[in-house]
Amino acid sequence: MNQADSGDVGKAQSKAARATGFDMEVLIGYILLVGVLASILLLVVGTAWQWISTGSLRFDYTLQAMNFWAFLFASLRRLWMGELRPQTVIDLGISVLLLTPYVRVLASMLYFLATRNWKYSVFTLFVFSVLSYSLFLR
């Protein structure tokens, strides 16, 4: 990408930010920040809880042959049923970490569709489709 192209993209983003009242780059940054920090917090809490309750950092469980959504809903079901264990907290941390880029791409796609930037809408729709497909695979 040459200097003129990158300048044009920056101008288009600035124009869109002024038109919509918010900066998409800031929103994407916050999505990443919140997703990663929440994931780290859940993983640290689950690991510390495991170590405090058992004296070991070893987790004795295997992941069943399931796709991401089944994994997430199984963790949420355990949480809903009151089966809060270190494994559940770790599973939720992993789920948040995996959902972070998915939510970022979804936000970008919706933004580009709302601003009628069709070129970037097609690109992000393709990336979103690939991510969606990969999360539904076993």
N, C-alpha and C. Protein backbone atom coordinates (compact mmCIF):
# COMPACT_ATOMS: atom_id res chain seq x y z
N MET A 1 0.85 -1.16 0.00
CA MET A 1 0.00 0.00 0.00
C MET A 1 0.90 1.22 0.00
N ASN A 2 0.68 2.14 -0.93
CA ASN A 2 1.53 3.31 -0.97
C ASN A 2 1.01 4.39 -0.03
N GLN A 3 1.76 5.48 0.05
CA GLN A 3 1.45 6.54 1.00
C GLN A 3 0.08 7.16 0.72
N ALA A 4 -0.25 7.35 -0.56
CA ALA A 4 -1.53 7.97 -0.90
C ALA A 4 -2.69 7.08 -0.48
N ASP A 5 -2.55 5.76 -0.69
CA ASP A 5 -3.62 4.84 -0.31
C ASP A 5 -3.85 4.84 1.19
N SER A 6 -2.76 4.81 1.96
CA SER A 6 -2.91 4.79 3.42
C SER A 6 -3.49 6.11 3.90
N GLY A 7 -3.16 7.20 3.27
CA GLY A 7 -3.74 8.50 3.62
C GLY A 7 -5.22 8.54 3.32
N ASP A 8 -5.62 7.95 2.19
CA ASP A 8 -7.03 7.91 1.82
C ASP A 8 -7.85 7.10 2.83
N VAL A 9 -7.28 5.97 3.27
CA VAL A 9 -7.97 5.14 4.25
C VAL A 9 -8.12 5.91 5.56
N GLY A 10 -7.07 6.59 5.99
CA GLY A 10 -7.12 7.38 7.22
C GLY A 10 -8.14 8.50 7.12
N LYS A 11 -8.19 9.17 5.96
CA LYS A 11 -9.17 10.23 5.77
C LYS A 11 -10.59 9.68 5.79
N ALA A 12 -10.79 8.51 5.17
CA ALA A 12 -12.12 7.90 5.15
C ALA A 12 -12.55 7.50 6.56
N GLN A 13 -11.60 6.96 7.34
CA GLN A 13 -11.93 6.58 8.71
C GLN A 13 -12.24 7.82 9.56
N SER A 14 -11.47 8.90 9.37
CA SER A 14 -11.72 10.12 10.13
C SER A 14 -13.07 10.70 9.75
N LYS A 15 -13.40 10.69 8.45
CA LYS A 15 -14.69 11.20 7.99
C LYS A 15 -15.83 10.37 8.58
N ALA A 16 -15.67 9.04 8.58
CA ALA A 16 -16.70 8.16 9.14
C ALA A 16 -16.82 8.38 10.65
N ALA A 17 -15.70 8.59 11.33
CA ALA A 17 -15.73 8.83 12.77
C ALA A 17 -16.49 10.12 13.08
N ARG A 18 -16.26 11.16 12.28
CA ARG A 18 -16.99 12.41 12.49
C ARG A 18 -18.47 12.24 12.20
N ALA A 19 -18.80 11.45 11.18
CA ALA A 19 -20.20 11.26 10.78
C ALA A 19 -20.98 10.45 11.81
N THR A 20 -20.34 9.44 12.39
CA THR A 20 -21.04 8.55 13.32
C THR A 20 -20.89 8.98 14.78
N GLY A 21 -19.93 9.83 15.07
CA GLY A 21 -19.77 10.31 16.43
C GLY A 21 -18.86 9.46 17.30
N PHE A 22 -18.25 8.41 16.75
CA PHE A 22 -17.29 7.63 17.54
C PHE A 22 -16.19 7.11 16.63
N ASP A 23 -15.09 6.77 17.23
CA ASP A 23 -13.93 6.29 16.49
C ASP A 23 -13.90 4.77 16.59
N MET A 24 -13.97 4.12 15.45
CA MET A 24 -14.01 2.65 15.41
C MET A 24 -12.73 2.04 15.97
N GLU A 25 -11.59 2.69 15.71
CA GLU A 25 -10.32 2.15 16.22
C GLU A 25 -10.32 2.11 17.75
N VAL A 26 -10.92 3.09 18.38
CA VAL A 26 -11.00 3.12 19.84
C VAL A 26 -11.89 1.97 20.33
N LEU A 27 -13.03 1.78 19.66
CA LEU A 27 -13.94 0.69 20.04
C LEU A 27 -13.25 -0.66 19.90
N ILE A 28 -12.56 -0.87 18.78
CA ILE A 28 -11.85 -2.14 18.55
C ILE A 28 -10.77 -2.33 19.62
N GLY A 29 -10.08 -1.26 19.96
CA GLY A 29 -9.06 -1.34 21.00
C GLY A 29 -9.64 -1.73 22.35
N TYR A 30 -10.80 -1.15 22.69
CA TYR A 30 -11.44 -1.49 23.96
C TYR A 30 -11.97 -2.92 23.97
N ILE A 31 -12.47 -3.38 22.83
CA ILE A 31 -12.93 -4.77 22.76
C ILE A 31 -11.76 -5.71 23.04
N LEU A 32 -10.61 -5.42 22.43
CA LEU A 32 -9.42 -6.24 22.68
C LEU A 32 -8.99 -6.15 24.13
N LEU A 33 -8.93 -4.95 24.66
CA LEU A 33 -8.47 -4.75 26.03
C LEU A 33 -9.37 -5.48 27.03
N VAL A 34 -10.68 -5.28 26.91
CA VAL A 34 -11.62 -5.91 27.84
C VAL A 34 -11.59 -7.43 27.69
N GLY A 35 -11.55 -7.92 26.45
CA GLY A 35 -11.53 -9.37 26.23
C GLY A 35 -10.30 -10.03 26.82
N VAL A 36 -9.15 -9.44 26.57
CA VAL A 36 -7.90 -10.04 27.06
C VAL A 36 -7.81 -9.94 28.58
N LEU A 37 -8.16 -8.78 29.14
CA LEU A 37 -8.10 -8.63 30.60
C LEU A 37 -9.09 -9.55 31.31
N ALA A 38 -10.30 -9.67 30.77
CA ALA A 38 -11.29 -10.58 31.37
C ALA A 38 -10.81 -12.02 31.30
N SER A 39 -10.22 -12.39 30.17
CA SER A 39 -9.70 -13.75 30.02
C SER A 39 -8.56 -14.02 31.00
N ILE A 40 -7.65 -13.08 31.10
CA ILE A 40 -6.53 -13.23 32.04
C ILE A 40 -7.05 -13.36 33.47
N LEU A 41 -8.01 -12.52 33.82
CA LEU A 41 -8.58 -12.56 35.17
C LEU A 41 -9.21 -13.92 35.45
N LEU A 42 -10.02 -14.41 34.53
CA LEU A 42 -10.67 -15.72 34.72
C LEU A 42 -9.64 -16.85 34.80
N LEU A 43 -8.64 -16.82 33.95
CA LEU A 43 -7.61 -17.87 33.97
C LEU A 43 -6.79 -17.83 35.25
N VAL A 44 -6.44 -16.65 35.72
CA VAL A 44 -5.66 -16.53 36.96
C VAL A 44 -6.51 -16.98 38.15
N VAL A 45 -7.77 -16.55 38.20
CA VAL A 45 -8.64 -16.94 39.32
C VAL A 45 -8.84 -18.45 39.32
N GLY A 46 -9.12 -19.04 38.16
CA GLY A 46 -9.32 -20.49 38.09
C GLY A 46 -8.07 -21.27 38.47
N THR A 47 -6.93 -20.80 38.00
CA THR A 47 -5.68 -21.48 38.32
C THR A 47 -5.34 -21.35 39.80
N ALA A 48 -5.51 -20.14 40.35
CA ALA A 48 -5.22 -19.94 41.78
C ALA A 48 -6.18 -20.77 42.64
N TRP A 49 -7.43 -20.81 42.26
CA TRP A 49 -8.42 -21.60 43.00
C TRP A 49 -8.05 -23.07 42.97
N GLN A 50 -7.61 -23.57 41.83
CA GLN A 50 -7.19 -24.97 41.71
C GLN A 50 -5.99 -25.23 42.62
N TRP A 51 -5.05 -24.32 42.62
CA TRP A 51 -3.84 -24.50 43.43
C TRP A 51 -4.16 -24.43 44.93
N ILE A 52 -5.02 -23.50 45.31
CA ILE A 52 -5.39 -23.37 46.72
C ILE A 52 -6.18 -24.59 47.19
N SER A 53 -7.10 -25.08 46.38
CA SER A 53 -7.96 -26.18 46.82
C SER A 53 -7.30 -27.55 46.74
N THR A 54 -6.35 -27.74 45.83
CA THR A 54 -5.73 -29.06 45.67
C THR A 54 -4.24 -29.08 45.94
N GLY A 55 -3.60 -27.92 45.96
CA GLY A 55 -2.14 -27.87 46.13
C GLY A 55 -1.40 -28.23 44.86
N SER A 56 -2.12 -28.32 43.75
CA SER A 56 -1.52 -28.69 42.48
C SER A 56 -2.11 -27.83 41.38
N LEU A 57 -1.32 -27.61 40.33
CA LEU A 57 -1.81 -26.88 39.17
C LEU A 57 -2.30 -27.83 38.08
N ARG A 58 -2.40 -29.08 38.41
CA ARG A 58 -2.82 -30.09 37.42
C ARG A 58 -4.35 -30.15 37.33
N PHE A 59 -4.83 -30.08 36.12
CA PHE A 59 -6.27 -30.24 35.87
C PHE A 59 -6.48 -31.59 35.23
N ASP A 60 -7.30 -32.41 35.87
CA ASP A 60 -7.56 -33.75 35.36
C ASP A 60 -8.90 -33.81 34.65
N TYR A 61 -8.92 -33.27 33.46
CA TYR A 61 -10.12 -33.39 32.64
C TYR A 61 -9.70 -33.29 31.18
N THR A 62 -10.49 -33.88 30.36
CA THR A 62 -10.23 -33.82 28.93
C THR A 62 -11.39 -33.10 28.25
N LEU A 63 -11.08 -32.48 27.15
CA LEU A 63 -12.12 -31.83 26.37
C LEU A 63 -12.79 -32.88 25.49
N GLN A 64 -14.09 -32.89 25.56
CA GLN A 64 -14.85 -33.82 24.73
C GLN A 64 -14.75 -33.37 23.27
N ALA A 65 -15.12 -34.24 22.37
CA ALA A 65 -15.14 -33.89 20.94
C ALA A 65 -16.35 -32.98 20.71
N MET A 66 -16.12 -31.67 20.83
CA MET A 66 -17.20 -30.71 20.65
C MET A 66 -16.65 -29.45 20.01
N ASN A 67 -17.53 -28.71 19.37
CA ASN A 67 -17.09 -27.44 18.80
C ASN A 67 -17.07 -26.37 19.90
N PHE A 68 -16.65 -25.20 19.52
CA PHE A 68 -16.50 -24.12 20.50
C PHE A 68 -17.81 -23.78 21.19
N TRP A 69 -18.89 -23.68 20.40
CA TRP A 69 -20.16 -23.25 20.98
C TRP A 69 -20.68 -24.28 21.98
N ALA A 70 -20.51 -25.55 21.70
CA ALA A 70 -20.91 -26.59 22.65
C ALA A 70 -20.06 -26.49 23.92
N PHE A 71 -18.77 -26.22 23.75
CA PHE A 71 -17.86 -26.03 24.88
C PHE A 71 -18.30 -24.84 25.73
N LEU A 72 -18.62 -23.71 25.08
CA LEU A 72 -19.06 -22.52 25.80
C LEU A 72 -20.37 -22.77 26.53
N PHE A 73 -21.35 -23.35 25.84
CA PHE A 73 -22.65 -23.56 26.46
C PHE A 73 -22.58 -24.61 27.58
N ALA A 74 -21.70 -25.58 27.47
CA ALA A 74 -21.52 -26.54 28.56
C ALA A 74 -20.95 -25.83 29.79
N SER A 75 -20.01 -24.93 29.58
CA SER A 75 -19.45 -24.17 30.71
C SER A 75 -20.50 -23.26 31.33
N LEU A 76 -21.27 -22.59 30.49
CA LEU A 76 -22.32 -21.70 31.00
C LEU A 76 -23.41 -22.48 31.73
N ARG A 77 -23.72 -23.67 31.23
CA ARG A 77 -24.73 -24.51 31.89
C ARG A 77 -24.25 -24.93 33.28
N ARG A 78 -22.96 -25.33 33.37
CA ARG A 78 -22.41 -25.69 34.68
C ARG A 78 -22.47 -24.50 35.63
N LEU A 79 -22.16 -23.33 35.12
CA LEU A 79 -22.21 -22.12 35.94
C LEU A 79 -23.64 -21.83 36.39
N TRP A 80 -24.59 -21.96 35.48
CA TRP A 80 -26.01 -21.72 35.78
C TRP A 80 -26.55 -22.71 36.82
N MET A 81 -26.09 -23.97 36.74
CA MET A 81 -26.55 -25.00 37.65
C MET A 81 -25.84 -24.93 39.01
N GLY A 82 -24.94 -23.99 39.17
CA GLY A 82 -24.26 -23.81 40.44
C GLY A 82 -23.05 -24.71 40.63
N GLU A 83 -22.57 -25.30 39.56
CA GLU A 83 -21.40 -26.17 39.62
C GLU A 83 -20.14 -25.35 39.38
N LEU A 84 -19.92 -24.36 40.21
CA LEU A 84 -18.76 -23.49 40.04
C LEU A 84 -17.53 -24.18 40.60
N ARG A 85 -16.62 -24.52 39.70
CA ARG A 85 -15.37 -25.19 40.05
C ARG A 85 -14.23 -24.47 39.32
N PRO A 86 -12.99 -24.73 39.69
CA PRO A 86 -11.87 -24.12 38.96
C PRO A 86 -11.92 -24.42 37.47
N GLN A 87 -12.31 -25.63 37.12
CA GLN A 87 -12.40 -26.01 35.70
C GLN A 87 -13.38 -25.12 34.96
N THR A 88 -14.51 -24.80 35.56
CA THR A 88 -15.51 -23.95 34.93
C THR A 88 -14.96 -22.54 34.68
N VAL A 89 -14.25 -22.01 35.66
CA VAL A 89 -13.68 -20.67 35.53
C VAL A 89 -12.61 -20.66 34.43
N ILE A 90 -11.77 -21.69 34.39
CA ILE A 90 -10.75 -21.80 33.34
C ILE A 90 -11.42 -21.91 31.97
N ASP A 91 -12.46 -22.73 31.86
CA ASP A 91 -13.19 -22.88 30.59
C ASP A 91 -13.77 -21.55 30.13
N LEU A 92 -14.32 -20.78 31.06
CA LEU A 92 -14.86 -19.48 30.69
C LEU A 92 -13.76 -18.51 30.25
N GLY A 93 -12.59 -18.58 30.88
CA GLY A 93 -11.46 -17.75 30.47
C GLY A 93 -11.01 -18.09 29.06
N ILE A 94 -10.95 -19.37 28.75
CA ILE A 94 -10.58 -19.80 27.39
C ILE A 94 -11.64 -19.34 26.39
N SER A 95 -12.90 -19.44 26.77
CA SER A 95 -13.98 -19.02 25.88
C SER A 95 -13.92 -17.52 25.60
N VAL A 96 -13.68 -16.72 26.62
CA VAL A 96 -13.58 -15.27 26.43
C VAL A 96 -12.40 -14.95 25.52
N LEU A 97 -11.29 -15.64 25.71
CA LEU A 97 -10.12 -15.40 24.87
C LEU A 97 -10.40 -15.75 23.41
N LEU A 98 -11.13 -16.82 23.17
CA LEU A 98 -11.47 -17.20 21.80
C LEU A 98 -12.53 -16.29 21.19
N LEU A 99 -13.42 -15.75 21.99
CA LEU A 99 -14.46 -14.87 21.47
C LEU A 99 -13.98 -13.45 21.18
N THR A 100 -12.87 -13.04 21.76
CA THR A 100 -12.40 -11.67 21.60
C THR A 100 -12.17 -11.29 20.13
N PRO A 101 -11.39 -12.05 19.35
CA PRO A 101 -11.24 -11.65 17.94
C PRO A 101 -12.54 -11.77 17.16
N TYR A 102 -13.38 -12.70 17.54
CA TYR A 102 -14.67 -12.89 16.87
C TYR A 102 -15.53 -11.63 17.04
N VAL A 103 -15.59 -11.11 18.25
CA VAL A 103 -16.37 -9.91 18.53
C VAL A 103 -15.75 -8.69 17.83
N ARG A 104 -14.43 -8.64 17.78
CA ARG A 104 -13.76 -7.53 17.09
C ARG A 104 -14.12 -7.51 15.61
N VAL A 105 -14.08 -8.65 14.97
CA VAL A 105 -14.42 -8.72 13.55
C VAL A 105 -15.90 -8.42 13.35
N LEU A 106 -16.75 -8.90 14.23
CA LEU A 106 -18.18 -8.60 14.13
C LEU A 106 -18.44 -7.10 14.25
N ALA A 107 -17.80 -6.43 15.19
CA ALA A 107 -17.96 -4.98 15.35
C ALA A 107 -17.47 -4.24 14.12
N SER A 108 -16.33 -4.66 13.58
CA SER A 108 -15.81 -4.03 12.36
C SER A 108 -16.76 -4.22 11.19
N MET A 109 -17.27 -5.43 11.04
CA MET A 109 -18.18 -5.71 9.94
C MET A 109 -19.45 -4.85 10.05
N LEU A 110 -20.04 -4.76 11.23
CA LEU A 110 -21.23 -3.96 11.42
C LEU A 110 -20.95 -2.48 11.16
N TYR A 111 -19.79 -2.03 11.59
CA TYR A 111 -19.40 -0.63 11.35
C TYR A 111 -19.27 -0.35 9.86
N PHE A 112 -18.56 -1.20 9.14
CA PHE A 112 -18.38 -0.98 7.71
C PHE A 112 -19.71 -1.08 6.96
N LEU A 113 -20.59 -1.97 7.40
CA LEU A 113 -21.92 -2.04 6.78
C LEU A 113 -22.72 -0.77 7.06
N ALA A 114 -22.65 -0.27 8.29
CA ALA A 114 -23.40 0.93 8.67
C ALA A 114 -22.90 2.16 7.92
N THR A 115 -21.60 2.23 7.67
CA THR A 115 -21.04 3.38 6.96
C THR A 115 -21.05 3.17 5.44
N ARG A 116 -21.57 2.03 5.02
CA ARG A 116 -21.69 1.68 3.59
C ARG A 116 -20.35 1.68 2.87
N ASN A 117 -19.35 1.20 3.57
CA ASN A 117 -18.03 1.01 2.98
C ASN A 117 -18.00 -0.44 2.48
N TRP A 118 -18.42 -0.63 1.24
CA TRP A 118 -18.69 -1.97 0.73
C TRP A 118 -17.43 -2.80 0.57
N LYS A 119 -16.33 -2.18 0.21
CA LYS A 119 -15.09 -2.95 0.03
C LYS A 119 -14.67 -3.60 1.35
N TYR A 120 -14.62 -2.83 2.41
CA TYR A 120 -14.22 -3.38 3.70
C TYR A 120 -15.32 -4.25 4.30
N SER A 121 -16.57 -3.97 3.95
CA SER A 121 -17.66 -4.84 4.41
C SER A 121 -17.49 -6.25 3.86
N VAL A 122 -17.12 -6.36 2.60
CA VAL A 122 -16.92 -7.67 1.98
C VAL A 122 -15.74 -8.38 2.62
N PHE A 123 -14.64 -7.65 2.84
CA PHE A 123 -13.47 -8.27 3.47
C PHE A 123 -13.78 -8.78 4.87
N THR A 124 -14.43 -7.93 5.67
CA THR A 124 -14.71 -8.35 7.05
C THR A 124 -15.78 -9.43 7.10
N LEU A 125 -16.72 -9.41 6.16
CA LEU A 125 -17.72 -10.47 6.09
C LEU A 125 -17.05 -11.81 5.78
N PHE A 126 -16.05 -11.79 4.91
CA PHE A 126 -15.32 -13.02 4.60
C PHE A 126 -14.57 -13.52 5.84
N VAL A 127 -13.86 -12.63 6.52
CA VAL A 127 -13.13 -13.03 7.73
C VAL A 127 -14.09 -13.52 8.80
N PHE A 128 -15.21 -12.83 8.97
CA PHE A 128 -16.21 -13.25 9.94
C PHE A 128 -16.78 -14.63 9.59
N SER A 129 -16.98 -14.88 8.31
CA SER A 129 -17.49 -16.19 7.88
C SER A 129 -16.49 -17.30 8.18
N VAL A 130 -15.22 -17.04 7.92
CA VAL A 130 -14.18 -18.03 8.19
C VAL A 130 -14.09 -18.30 9.70
N LEU A 131 -14.11 -17.24 10.50
CA LEU A 131 -14.07 -17.42 11.96
C LEU A 131 -15.30 -18.18 12.45
N SER A 132 -16.47 -17.84 11.94
CA SER A 132 -17.69 -18.53 12.34
C SER A 132 -17.62 -20.00 11.99
N TYR A 133 -17.17 -20.30 10.79
CA TYR A 133 -17.05 -21.69 10.36
C TYR A 133 -16.08 -22.44 11.25
N SER A 134 -14.95 -21.81 11.59
CA SER A 134 -13.95 -22.50 12.40
C SER A 134 -14.46 -22.75 13.83
N LEU A 135 -15.30 -21.85 14.35
CA LEU A 135 -15.82 -22.05 15.69
C LEU A 135 -16.94 -23.10 15.75
N PHE A 136 -17.54 -23.41 14.61
CA PHE A 136 -18.59 -24.42 14.58
C PHE A 136 -18.06 -25.82 14.25
N LEU A 137 -16.78 -25.91 13.84
CA LEU A 137 -16.20 -27.22 13.55
C LEU A 137 -15.98 -27.99 14.83
N ARG A 138 -15.96 -29.31 14.73
CA ARG A 138 -15.65 -30.15 15.89
C ARG A 138 -14.17 -30.23 16.07
